[in-house]
N, C-alpha and C. Protein backbone atom coordinates (compact mmCIF):
# COMPACT_ATOMS: atom_id res chain seq x y z
N MET A 1 191.99 70.40 6.54
CA MET A 1 192.72 71.06 5.50
C MET A 1 192.46 72.56 5.56
N ALA A 2 193.48 73.34 5.66
CA ALA A 2 193.34 74.78 5.75
C ALA A 2 193.10 75.36 4.36
N THR A 3 192.20 76.33 4.32
CA THR A 3 191.93 77.00 3.06
C THR A 3 192.62 78.35 3.07
N LYS A 4 193.07 78.77 1.92
CA LYS A 4 193.69 80.08 1.79
C LYS A 4 192.61 81.13 1.65
N LYS A 5 192.82 82.26 2.31
CA LYS A 5 191.87 83.35 2.16
C LYS A 5 192.23 84.13 0.90
N ALA A 6 191.26 84.30 0.08
CA ALA A 6 191.46 85.04 -1.16
C ALA A 6 191.17 86.52 -0.92
N PRO A 7 191.91 87.40 -1.59
CA PRO A 7 191.59 88.84 -1.48
C PRO A 7 190.16 89.09 -1.94
N LYS A 8 189.57 90.16 -1.45
CA LYS A 8 188.18 90.47 -1.80
C LYS A 8 188.01 90.53 -3.31
N GLY A 9 187.01 89.82 -3.82
CA GLY A 9 186.73 89.82 -5.24
C GLY A 9 187.53 88.79 -6.02
N LYS A 10 188.37 88.04 -5.37
CA LYS A 10 189.19 87.02 -6.04
C LYS A 10 188.61 85.64 -5.77
N SER A 11 188.88 84.72 -6.68
CA SER A 11 188.42 83.35 -6.56
C SER A 11 189.20 82.60 -5.49
N LYS A 12 188.57 81.65 -4.84
CA LYS A 12 189.24 80.80 -3.85
C LYS A 12 189.82 79.55 -4.50
N ILE A 13 189.62 79.40 -5.79
CA ILE A 13 190.12 78.23 -6.49
C ILE A 13 191.60 78.46 -6.80
N PHE A 14 192.43 77.50 -6.41
CA PHE A 14 193.84 77.60 -6.70
C PHE A 14 194.27 76.43 -7.55
N ILE A 15 194.87 76.72 -8.69
CA ILE A 15 195.41 75.69 -9.59
C ILE A 15 196.91 75.90 -9.63
N LYS A 16 197.66 74.83 -9.38
CA LYS A 16 199.11 74.94 -9.40
C LYS A 16 199.56 75.48 -10.75
N PRO A 17 200.51 76.41 -10.73
CA PRO A 17 200.99 76.98 -12.00
C PRO A 17 201.48 75.91 -12.98
N SER A 18 202.05 74.82 -12.46
CA SER A 18 202.54 73.77 -13.36
C SER A 18 201.41 72.97 -14.02
N LYS A 19 200.20 73.06 -13.48
CA LYS A 19 199.05 72.32 -14.01
C LYS A 19 198.15 73.18 -14.88
N ARG A 20 198.35 74.50 -14.86
CA ARG A 20 197.49 75.40 -15.62
C ARG A 20 197.66 75.18 -17.12
N GLY A 21 196.55 75.00 -17.80
CA GLY A 21 196.58 74.86 -19.25
C GLY A 21 196.89 73.47 -19.77
N THR A 22 197.11 72.51 -18.87
CA THR A 22 197.48 71.17 -19.34
C THR A 22 196.33 70.47 -20.05
N PHE A 23 195.10 70.69 -19.62
CA PHE A 23 193.96 70.05 -20.26
C PHE A 23 193.71 70.67 -21.63
N THR A 24 193.83 71.99 -21.72
CA THR A 24 193.67 72.67 -23.02
C THR A 24 194.73 72.20 -24.00
N LYS A 25 195.95 72.07 -23.52
CA LYS A 25 197.04 71.60 -24.37
C LYS A 25 196.76 70.18 -24.89
N ALA A 26 196.26 69.31 -24.01
CA ALA A 26 195.93 67.94 -24.41
C ALA A 26 194.80 67.94 -25.43
N ALA A 27 193.82 68.83 -25.26
CA ALA A 27 192.71 68.91 -26.20
C ALA A 27 193.19 69.36 -27.58
N LYS A 28 194.03 70.39 -27.60
CA LYS A 28 194.56 70.90 -28.88
C LYS A 28 195.44 69.86 -29.56
N LYS A 29 196.20 69.12 -28.77
CA LYS A 29 197.09 68.09 -29.34
C LYS A 29 196.28 66.99 -30.03
N SER A 30 195.11 66.68 -29.46
CA SER A 30 194.27 65.64 -30.06
C SER A 30 193.34 66.19 -31.13
N GLY A 31 193.39 67.51 -31.37
CA GLY A 31 192.58 68.11 -32.42
C GLY A 31 191.12 68.31 -32.04
N LYS A 32 190.85 68.42 -30.75
CA LYS A 32 189.48 68.60 -30.28
C LYS A 32 189.34 69.90 -29.52
N SER A 33 188.09 70.31 -29.32
CA SER A 33 187.84 71.46 -28.47
C SER A 33 187.91 71.00 -27.02
N VAL A 34 187.98 71.94 -26.10
CA VAL A 34 188.04 71.57 -24.68
C VAL A 34 186.77 70.83 -24.26
N PRO A 35 185.57 71.32 -24.59
CA PRO A 35 184.37 70.55 -24.21
C PRO A 35 184.30 69.17 -24.88
N GLY A 36 184.76 69.09 -26.12
CA GLY A 36 184.77 67.79 -26.81
C GLY A 36 185.72 66.81 -26.16
N LYS A 37 186.90 67.30 -25.77
CA LYS A 37 187.89 66.44 -25.09
C LYS A 37 187.36 66.04 -23.72
N ALA A 38 186.68 66.96 -23.02
CA ALA A 38 186.14 66.64 -21.70
C ALA A 38 185.12 65.51 -21.79
N THR A 39 184.25 65.58 -22.79
CA THR A 39 183.26 64.52 -22.97
C THR A 39 183.93 63.19 -23.26
N GLU A 40 184.95 63.23 -24.12
CA GLU A 40 185.69 62.02 -24.48
C GLU A 40 186.35 61.39 -23.25
N VAL A 41 187.01 62.21 -22.45
CA VAL A 41 187.72 61.71 -21.27
C VAL A 41 186.76 61.15 -20.24
N LEU A 42 185.66 61.86 -20.00
CA LEU A 42 184.71 61.39 -18.98
C LEU A 42 184.02 60.10 -19.39
N ASN A 43 183.92 59.82 -20.68
CA ASN A 43 183.31 58.58 -21.15
C ASN A 43 184.31 57.44 -21.33
N ASP A 44 185.59 57.74 -21.17
CA ASP A 44 186.65 56.73 -21.36
C ASP A 44 186.96 56.04 -20.03
N PRO A 45 186.68 54.72 -19.91
CA PRO A 45 186.96 54.02 -18.65
C PRO A 45 188.45 53.88 -18.37
N ASN A 46 189.31 54.04 -19.38
CA ASN A 46 190.75 53.89 -19.17
C ASN A 46 191.46 55.21 -18.91
N ALA A 47 190.75 56.32 -18.87
CA ALA A 47 191.37 57.62 -18.62
C ALA A 47 191.83 57.67 -17.15
N SER A 48 192.94 58.38 -16.93
CA SER A 48 193.48 58.48 -15.57
C SER A 48 192.56 59.33 -14.70
N PRO A 49 192.57 59.07 -13.40
CA PRO A 49 191.74 59.87 -12.49
C PRO A 49 192.10 61.36 -12.54
N GLU A 50 193.38 61.68 -12.71
CA GLU A 50 193.80 63.08 -12.79
C GLU A 50 193.20 63.75 -14.01
N MET A 51 193.20 63.06 -15.16
CA MET A 51 192.64 63.63 -16.38
C MET A 51 191.12 63.76 -16.25
N LYS A 52 190.48 62.83 -15.56
CA LYS A 52 189.03 62.92 -15.36
C LYS A 52 188.68 64.12 -14.49
N LYS A 53 189.52 64.41 -13.48
CA LYS A 53 189.30 65.59 -12.63
C LYS A 53 189.42 66.86 -13.44
N LYS A 54 190.43 66.90 -14.33
CA LYS A 54 190.62 68.07 -15.17
C LYS A 54 189.44 68.25 -16.13
N ALA A 55 188.96 67.15 -16.68
CA ALA A 55 187.83 67.20 -17.63
C ALA A 55 186.57 67.67 -16.91
N ASN A 56 186.34 67.18 -15.72
CA ASN A 56 185.17 67.59 -14.95
C ASN A 56 185.24 69.07 -14.58
N PHE A 57 186.44 69.53 -14.20
CA PHE A 57 186.63 70.95 -13.88
C PHE A 57 186.36 71.80 -15.11
N ALA A 58 186.85 71.37 -16.27
CA ALA A 58 186.64 72.13 -17.51
C ALA A 58 185.16 72.20 -17.85
N ARG A 59 184.46 71.11 -17.65
CA ARG A 59 183.02 71.07 -17.94
C ARG A 59 182.26 71.98 -16.99
N ASN A 60 182.60 71.95 -15.71
CA ASN A 60 181.91 72.78 -14.73
C ASN A 60 182.24 74.26 -14.89
N SER A 61 183.50 74.57 -15.14
CA SER A 61 183.90 75.96 -15.23
C SER A 61 183.31 76.66 -16.46
N ALA A 62 182.94 75.90 -17.46
CA ALA A 62 182.32 76.49 -18.64
C ALA A 62 180.94 77.06 -18.30
N LYS A 63 180.34 76.61 -17.22
CA LYS A 63 179.01 77.06 -16.83
C LYS A 63 179.06 78.34 -15.99
N TRP A 64 180.22 78.71 -15.48
CA TRP A 64 180.32 79.87 -14.60
C TRP A 64 180.11 81.15 -15.37
N LYS A 65 179.51 82.11 -14.70
CA LYS A 65 179.29 83.41 -15.32
C LYS A 65 180.62 84.15 -15.40
N LYS A 66 180.97 84.58 -16.58
CA LYS A 66 182.19 85.32 -16.80
C LYS A 66 181.89 86.81 -16.71
N LYS A 67 182.80 87.57 -16.14
CA LYS A 67 182.62 89.01 -16.02
C LYS A 67 182.64 89.63 -17.42
N GLY A 68 181.59 90.36 -17.74
CA GLY A 68 181.52 91.01 -19.05
C GLY A 68 181.01 90.11 -20.16
N GLY A 69 180.70 88.86 -19.84
CA GLY A 69 180.22 87.94 -20.85
C GLY A 69 178.72 87.99 -20.99
N LYS A 70 178.20 87.23 -21.92
CA LYS A 70 176.77 87.18 -22.13
C LYS A 70 176.11 86.35 -21.02
N LYS A 71 174.92 86.77 -20.64
CA LYS A 71 174.17 86.02 -19.63
C LYS A 71 173.41 84.91 -20.32
N LYS A 72 173.32 83.76 -19.65
CA LYS A 72 172.53 82.66 -20.19
C LYS A 72 171.07 82.91 -19.91
N LYS A 73 170.22 82.46 -20.83
CA LYS A 73 168.76 82.65 -20.67
C LYS A 73 168.20 81.64 -19.72
């Protein structure tokens, strides 16, 4: 599988524009926060594999250092 080269300083992660924000939208629709929805989906044996991937990505991306954000201790 060929990987796309990202411009210097840019992320190599590519999310299809049609898929961006779908997990957040699902979380808001159910009245939960994104981390809360992620926990719910990952613990649900009937959740679709696609939704589990989105939940896992949301959980992992929350740990990344954001530019200009607070540093974790």
